[in-house]
């Protein structure tokens, strides 16, 4: 309860609406093509509340590295020419504090 300046008691009501937090969603493309010997960059993006962290399972081709944070991860670098004609599959997971996953 709050007291007004003239000494009368007043009651202020505040209404809160609970909304469901959006689950993690990966919003970037699901495939990318790397040309061996050519600089490459691909950013994995996500949405959700709280902000998800992204995990990538699998072995990156030699010459590529992973960096990022706050709902994004970037795979960048130059794949070695010796890795040409190879197909690499990575599993990307976005997870937030609610333990919801998106793949």
N, C-alpha and C. Protein backbone atom coordinates (compact mmCIF):
# COMPACT_ATOMS: atom_id res chain seq x y z
N UNK A 1 0.85 -1.16 0.00
CA UNK A 1 0.00 0.00 0.00
C UNK A 1 0.90 1.23 0.00
N UNK A 2 0.43 2.25 -0.69
CA UNK A 2 1.16 3.51 -0.73
C UNK A 2 0.30 4.59 -0.08
N UNK A 3 0.92 5.58 0.49
CA UNK A 3 0.20 6.68 1.12
C UNK A 3 0.35 7.91 0.24
N UNK A 4 -0.77 8.55 -0.06
CA UNK A 4 -0.73 9.75 -0.89
C UNK A 4 -0.23 10.94 -0.08
N UNK A 5 0.06 12.05 -0.76
CA UNK A 5 0.57 13.24 -0.07
C UNK A 5 -0.43 13.84 0.91
N UNK A 6 -1.71 13.65 0.66
CA UNK A 6 -2.70 14.23 1.58
C UNK A 6 -3.01 13.30 2.75
N UNK A 7 -2.25 12.23 2.89
CA UNK A 7 -2.41 11.33 4.02
C UNK A 7 -3.39 10.20 3.82
N UNK A 8 -4.10 10.17 2.71
CA UNK A 8 -5.05 9.09 2.45
C UNK A 8 -4.32 7.88 1.88
N UNK A 9 -4.79 6.73 2.27
CA UNK A 9 -4.20 5.50 1.75
C UNK A 9 -4.73 5.24 0.34
N UNK A 10 -3.84 4.82 -0.53
CA UNK A 10 -4.25 4.44 -1.88
C UNK A 10 -3.68 3.07 -2.19
N UNK A 11 -4.39 2.37 -2.98
CA UNK A 11 -3.93 1.05 -3.40
C UNK A 11 -3.66 1.11 -4.90
N UNK A 12 -2.48 0.71 -5.27
CA UNK A 12 -2.10 0.66 -6.68
C UNK A 12 -2.06 -0.79 -7.11
N UNK A 13 -2.70 -1.10 -8.19
CA UNK A 13 -2.67 -2.46 -8.71
C UNK A 13 -1.76 -2.52 -9.93
N UNK A 14 -0.96 -3.54 -9.98
CA UNK A 14 -0.10 -3.76 -11.13
C UNK A 14 -0.43 -5.15 -11.67
N UNK A 15 -0.70 -5.21 -12.94
CA UNK A 15 -1.04 -6.49 -13.55
C UNK A 15 0.15 -7.00 -14.33
N UNK A 16 0.46 -8.28 -14.14
CA UNK A 16 1.53 -8.93 -14.87
C UNK A 16 0.93 -10.06 -15.69
N UNK A 17 1.33 -10.15 -16.91
CA UNK A 17 0.90 -11.24 -17.77
C UNK A 17 2.10 -12.15 -18.02
N UNK A 18 1.99 -13.38 -17.62
CA UNK A 18 3.07 -14.34 -17.85
C UNK A 18 2.96 -14.88 -19.27
N UNK A 19 4.02 -14.71 -20.02
CA UNK A 19 4.06 -15.22 -21.39
C UNK A 19 5.04 -16.37 -21.46
N UNK A 20 4.76 -17.29 -22.30
CA UNK A 20 5.69 -18.41 -22.48
C UNK A 20 6.95 -17.88 -23.16
N UNK A 21 8.08 -18.26 -22.62
CA UNK A 21 9.36 -17.86 -23.24
C UNK A 21 9.56 -18.67 -24.51
N UNK A 22 10.01 -18.01 -25.57
CA UNK A 22 10.23 -18.76 -26.79
C UNK A 22 11.35 -19.79 -26.62
N UNK A 23 11.11 -20.99 -27.08
CA UNK A 23 12.11 -22.05 -27.04
C UNK A 23 13.22 -21.72 -28.03
N UNK A 24 14.39 -22.32 -27.84
CA UNK A 24 15.48 -22.07 -28.79
C UNK A 24 15.11 -22.52 -30.20
N UNK A 25 15.51 -21.72 -31.15
CA UNK A 25 15.30 -22.04 -32.56
C UNK A 25 16.56 -21.65 -33.31
N UNK A 26 17.05 -22.54 -34.14
CA UNK A 26 18.18 -22.22 -35.01
C UNK A 26 17.61 -21.53 -36.24
N UNK A 27 18.10 -20.31 -36.50
CA UNK A 27 17.51 -19.49 -37.56
C UNK A 27 18.38 -19.39 -38.81
N UNK A 28 19.57 -19.95 -38.79
CA UNK A 28 20.44 -19.88 -39.96
C UNK A 28 20.13 -21.03 -40.91
N UNK A 29 20.74 -20.99 -42.08
CA UNK A 29 20.58 -22.07 -43.05
C UNK A 29 21.09 -23.39 -42.47
N UNK A 30 20.62 -24.49 -43.00
CA UNK A 30 21.02 -25.79 -42.46
C UNK A 30 22.20 -26.41 -43.20
N UNK A 31 22.63 -25.81 -44.30
CA UNK A 31 23.79 -26.34 -45.03
C UNK A 31 24.68 -25.20 -45.49
N UNK A 32 25.94 -25.53 -45.70
CA UNK A 32 26.91 -24.57 -46.26
C UNK A 32 27.93 -25.36 -47.06
N UNK A 33 28.44 -24.75 -48.10
CA UNK A 33 29.44 -25.39 -48.94
C UNK A 33 30.78 -24.69 -48.76
N UNK A 34 31.79 -25.46 -48.46
CA UNK A 34 33.15 -24.96 -48.29
C UNK A 34 33.95 -25.36 -49.52
N UNK A 35 34.66 -24.42 -50.10
CA UNK A 35 35.54 -24.72 -51.23
C UNK A 35 36.96 -24.79 -50.67
N UNK A 36 37.57 -25.96 -50.77
CA UNK A 36 38.92 -26.15 -50.24
C UNK A 36 39.88 -25.13 -50.83
N UNK A 37 40.70 -24.51 -49.95
CA UNK A 37 41.67 -23.52 -50.39
C UNK A 37 41.13 -22.11 -50.51
N UNK A 38 39.84 -21.92 -50.22
CA UNK A 38 39.19 -20.60 -50.32
C UNK A 38 38.70 -20.17 -48.94
N UNK A 39 38.93 -18.91 -48.54
CA UNK A 39 38.42 -18.45 -47.25
C UNK A 39 36.90 -18.67 -47.14
N UNK A 40 36.46 -19.05 -45.95
CA UNK A 40 35.07 -19.42 -45.72
C UNK A 40 34.61 -18.87 -44.38
N UNK A 41 33.34 -18.48 -44.32
CA UNK A 41 32.74 -18.07 -43.05
C UNK A 41 31.25 -18.39 -43.09
N UNK A 42 30.76 -19.00 -42.04
CA UNK A 42 29.34 -19.33 -41.91
C UNK A 42 28.93 -19.11 -40.46
N UNK A 43 27.88 -18.31 -40.27
CA UNK A 43 27.43 -18.02 -38.91
C UNK A 43 26.14 -18.77 -38.62
N UNK A 44 26.16 -19.53 -37.53
CA UNK A 44 24.98 -20.22 -37.03
C UNK A 44 24.29 -19.25 -36.07
N UNK A 45 23.02 -18.94 -36.33
CA UNK A 45 22.27 -18.01 -35.49
C UNK A 45 21.09 -18.71 -34.83
N UNK A 46 20.66 -18.15 -33.70
CA UNK A 46 19.52 -18.74 -32.97
C UNK A 46 18.74 -17.64 -32.26
N UNK A 47 17.52 -17.99 -31.87
CA UNK A 47 16.70 -17.12 -31.05
C UNK A 47 16.15 -17.95 -29.90
N UNK A 48 15.62 -17.27 -28.89
CA UNK A 48 15.03 -17.93 -27.73
C UNK A 48 15.23 -17.09 -26.49
N UNK A 49 14.49 -17.42 -25.46
CA UNK A 49 14.62 -16.70 -24.19
C UNK A 49 14.63 -17.73 -23.07
N UNK A 50 15.66 -17.70 -22.25
CA UNK A 50 16.85 -16.86 -22.36
C UNK A 50 17.67 -17.23 -23.59
N UNK A 51 18.63 -16.35 -23.93
CA UNK A 51 19.45 -16.55 -25.13
C UNK A 51 20.12 -17.92 -25.09
N UNK A 52 19.95 -18.71 -26.14
CA UNK A 52 20.56 -20.05 -26.14
C UNK A 52 22.06 -20.01 -26.41
N UNK A 53 22.71 -21.04 -25.94
CA UNK A 53 24.10 -21.27 -26.33
C UNK A 53 24.06 -22.31 -27.44
N UNK A 54 25.04 -22.24 -28.33
CA UNK A 54 25.08 -23.15 -29.46
C UNK A 54 26.25 -24.10 -29.29
N UNK A 55 25.98 -25.37 -29.52
CA UNK A 55 27.01 -26.38 -29.47
C UNK A 55 27.08 -27.06 -30.84
N UNK A 56 28.28 -27.34 -31.27
CA UNK A 56 28.47 -28.01 -32.55
C UNK A 56 29.24 -29.30 -32.29
N UNK A 57 28.62 -30.43 -32.65
CA UNK A 57 29.24 -31.74 -32.47
C UNK A 57 29.72 -32.24 -33.82
N UNK A 58 30.88 -32.80 -33.82
CA UNK A 58 31.48 -33.30 -35.04
C UNK A 58 32.83 -32.65 -35.23
N UNK A 59 33.61 -33.18 -36.14
CA UNK A 59 34.96 -32.68 -36.37
C UNK A 59 34.97 -31.73 -37.56
N UNK A 60 35.41 -30.49 -37.29
CA UNK A 60 35.53 -29.52 -38.37
C UNK A 60 36.67 -29.92 -39.30
N UNK A 61 36.53 -29.63 -40.59
CA UNK A 61 37.66 -29.87 -41.49
C UNK A 61 38.88 -29.07 -41.02
N UNK A 62 40.07 -29.60 -41.27
CA UNK A 62 41.30 -28.90 -40.89
C UNK A 62 41.34 -27.54 -41.57
N UNK A 63 41.74 -26.53 -40.80
CA UNK A 63 41.81 -25.16 -41.31
C UNK A 63 40.62 -24.31 -40.93
N UNK A 64 39.55 -24.93 -40.41
CA UNK A 64 38.38 -24.17 -39.96
C UNK A 64 38.33 -24.15 -38.44
N UNK A 65 37.86 -23.04 -37.88
CA UNK A 65 37.75 -22.89 -36.44
C UNK A 65 36.35 -22.41 -36.08
N UNK A 66 36.01 -22.57 -34.82
CA UNK A 66 34.71 -22.18 -34.30
C UNK A 66 34.90 -21.06 -33.29
N UNK A 67 34.08 -20.00 -33.39
CA UNK A 67 34.13 -18.90 -32.42
C UNK A 67 32.74 -18.28 -32.29
N UNK A 68 32.50 -17.59 -31.18
CA UNK A 68 31.23 -16.89 -31.03
C UNK A 68 30.73 -16.86 -29.62
N UNK A 69 29.43 -16.67 -29.48
CA UNK A 69 28.76 -16.57 -28.19
C UNK A 69 27.47 -15.78 -28.33
N UNK A 70 26.66 -15.75 -27.27
CA UNK A 70 25.39 -15.01 -27.23
C UNK A 70 24.46 -15.39 -28.37
N UNK A 71 24.25 -16.68 -28.55
CA UNK A 71 23.29 -17.14 -29.54
C UNK A 71 23.81 -17.31 -30.94
N UNK A 72 25.12 -17.07 -31.14
CA UNK A 72 25.71 -17.28 -32.47
C UNK A 72 27.04 -18.02 -32.34
N UNK A 73 27.39 -18.73 -33.36
CA UNK A 73 28.71 -19.35 -33.49
C UNK A 73 29.10 -19.19 -34.95
N UNK A 74 30.37 -18.92 -35.20
CA UNK A 74 30.85 -18.76 -36.56
C UNK A 74 31.91 -19.81 -36.86
N UNK A 75 31.73 -20.48 -37.98
CA UNK A 75 32.73 -21.42 -38.48
C UNK A 75 33.46 -20.65 -39.58
N UNK A 76 34.78 -20.52 -39.43
CA UNK A 76 35.52 -19.73 -40.43
C UNK A 76 36.93 -20.28 -40.62
N UNK A 77 37.55 -19.83 -41.68
CA UNK A 77 38.91 -20.23 -41.99
C UNK A 77 39.00 -20.68 -43.44
N UNK A 78 40.06 -21.40 -43.74
CA UNK A 78 40.27 -21.93 -45.08
C UNK A 78 40.52 -23.42 -44.97
N UNK A 79 39.60 -24.20 -45.51
CA UNK A 79 39.76 -25.66 -45.49
C UNK A 79 40.95 -26.04 -46.36
N UNK A 80 41.69 -27.03 -45.90
CA UNK A 80 42.87 -27.47 -46.63
C UNK A 80 42.49 -28.10 -47.96
N UNK A 81 43.33 -27.91 -48.95
CA UNK A 81 43.08 -28.50 -50.28
C UNK A 81 43.07 -30.03 -50.22
N UNK A 82 43.76 -30.59 -49.24
CA UNK A 82 43.78 -32.06 -49.11
C UNK A 82 42.43 -32.61 -48.66
N UNK A 83 41.55 -31.73 -48.18
CA UNK A 83 40.22 -32.16 -47.73
C UNK A 83 39.15 -32.01 -48.81
N UNK A 84 39.55 -31.66 -50.03
CA UNK A 84 38.54 -31.47 -51.07
C UNK A 84 37.82 -32.79 -51.36
N UNK A 85 36.60 -32.67 -51.79
CA UNK A 85 35.72 -33.80 -52.10
C UNK A 85 35.32 -34.61 -50.87
N UNK A 86 35.51 -34.06 -49.69
CA UNK A 86 35.06 -34.73 -48.47
C UNK A 86 33.77 -34.06 -48.00
N UNK A 87 32.89 -34.84 -47.43
CA UNK A 87 31.65 -34.33 -46.86
C UNK A 87 31.75 -34.45 -45.35
N UNK A 88 31.50 -33.35 -44.66
CA UNK A 88 31.54 -33.33 -43.20
C UNK A 88 30.16 -33.00 -42.69
N UNK A 89 29.66 -33.79 -41.76
CA UNK A 89 28.37 -33.53 -41.14
C UNK A 89 28.60 -33.08 -39.71
N UNK A 90 28.01 -31.95 -39.35
CA UNK A 90 28.08 -31.42 -37.99
C UNK A 90 26.67 -31.38 -37.42
N UNK A 91 26.54 -31.66 -36.13
CA UNK A 91 25.23 -31.56 -35.47
C UNK A 91 25.25 -30.29 -34.63
N UNK A 92 24.33 -29.39 -34.93
CA UNK A 92 24.26 -28.10 -34.25
C UNK A 92 23.06 -28.13 -33.30
N UNK A 93 23.32 -27.77 -32.04
CA UNK A 93 22.26 -27.74 -31.03
C UNK A 93 22.24 -26.38 -30.35
N UNK A 94 21.06 -25.79 -30.22
CA UNK A 94 20.88 -24.56 -29.46
C UNK A 94 20.16 -24.95 -28.17
N UNK A 95 20.72 -24.56 -27.02
CA UNK A 95 20.13 -24.92 -25.73
C UNK A 95 20.14 -23.68 -24.83
N UNK A 96 19.04 -23.49 -24.10
CA UNK A 96 19.02 -22.38 -23.16
C UNK A 96 18.89 -22.89 -21.74
N UNK A 97 18.80 -21.97 -20.78
CA UNK A 97 18.76 -22.34 -19.37
C UNK A 97 17.52 -23.16 -19.03
N UNK A 98 16.48 -23.10 -19.86
CA UNK A 98 15.29 -23.92 -19.62
C UNK A 98 15.52 -25.37 -20.04
N UNK A 99 16.72 -25.63 -20.60
CA UNK A 99 17.10 -26.97 -21.08
C UNK A 99 16.28 -27.41 -22.27
N UNK A 100 15.77 -26.44 -23.03
CA UNK A 100 15.09 -26.77 -24.28
C UNK A 100 16.14 -26.84 -25.36
N UNK A 101 16.01 -27.77 -26.28
CA UNK A 101 16.96 -27.94 -27.36
C UNK A 101 16.30 -27.71 -28.72
N UNK A 102 17.10 -27.22 -29.65
CA UNK A 102 16.69 -27.16 -31.06
C UNK A 102 17.86 -27.71 -31.85
N UNK A 103 17.57 -28.51 -32.88
CA UNK A 103 18.63 -29.05 -33.75
C UNK A 103 18.31 -28.72 -35.18
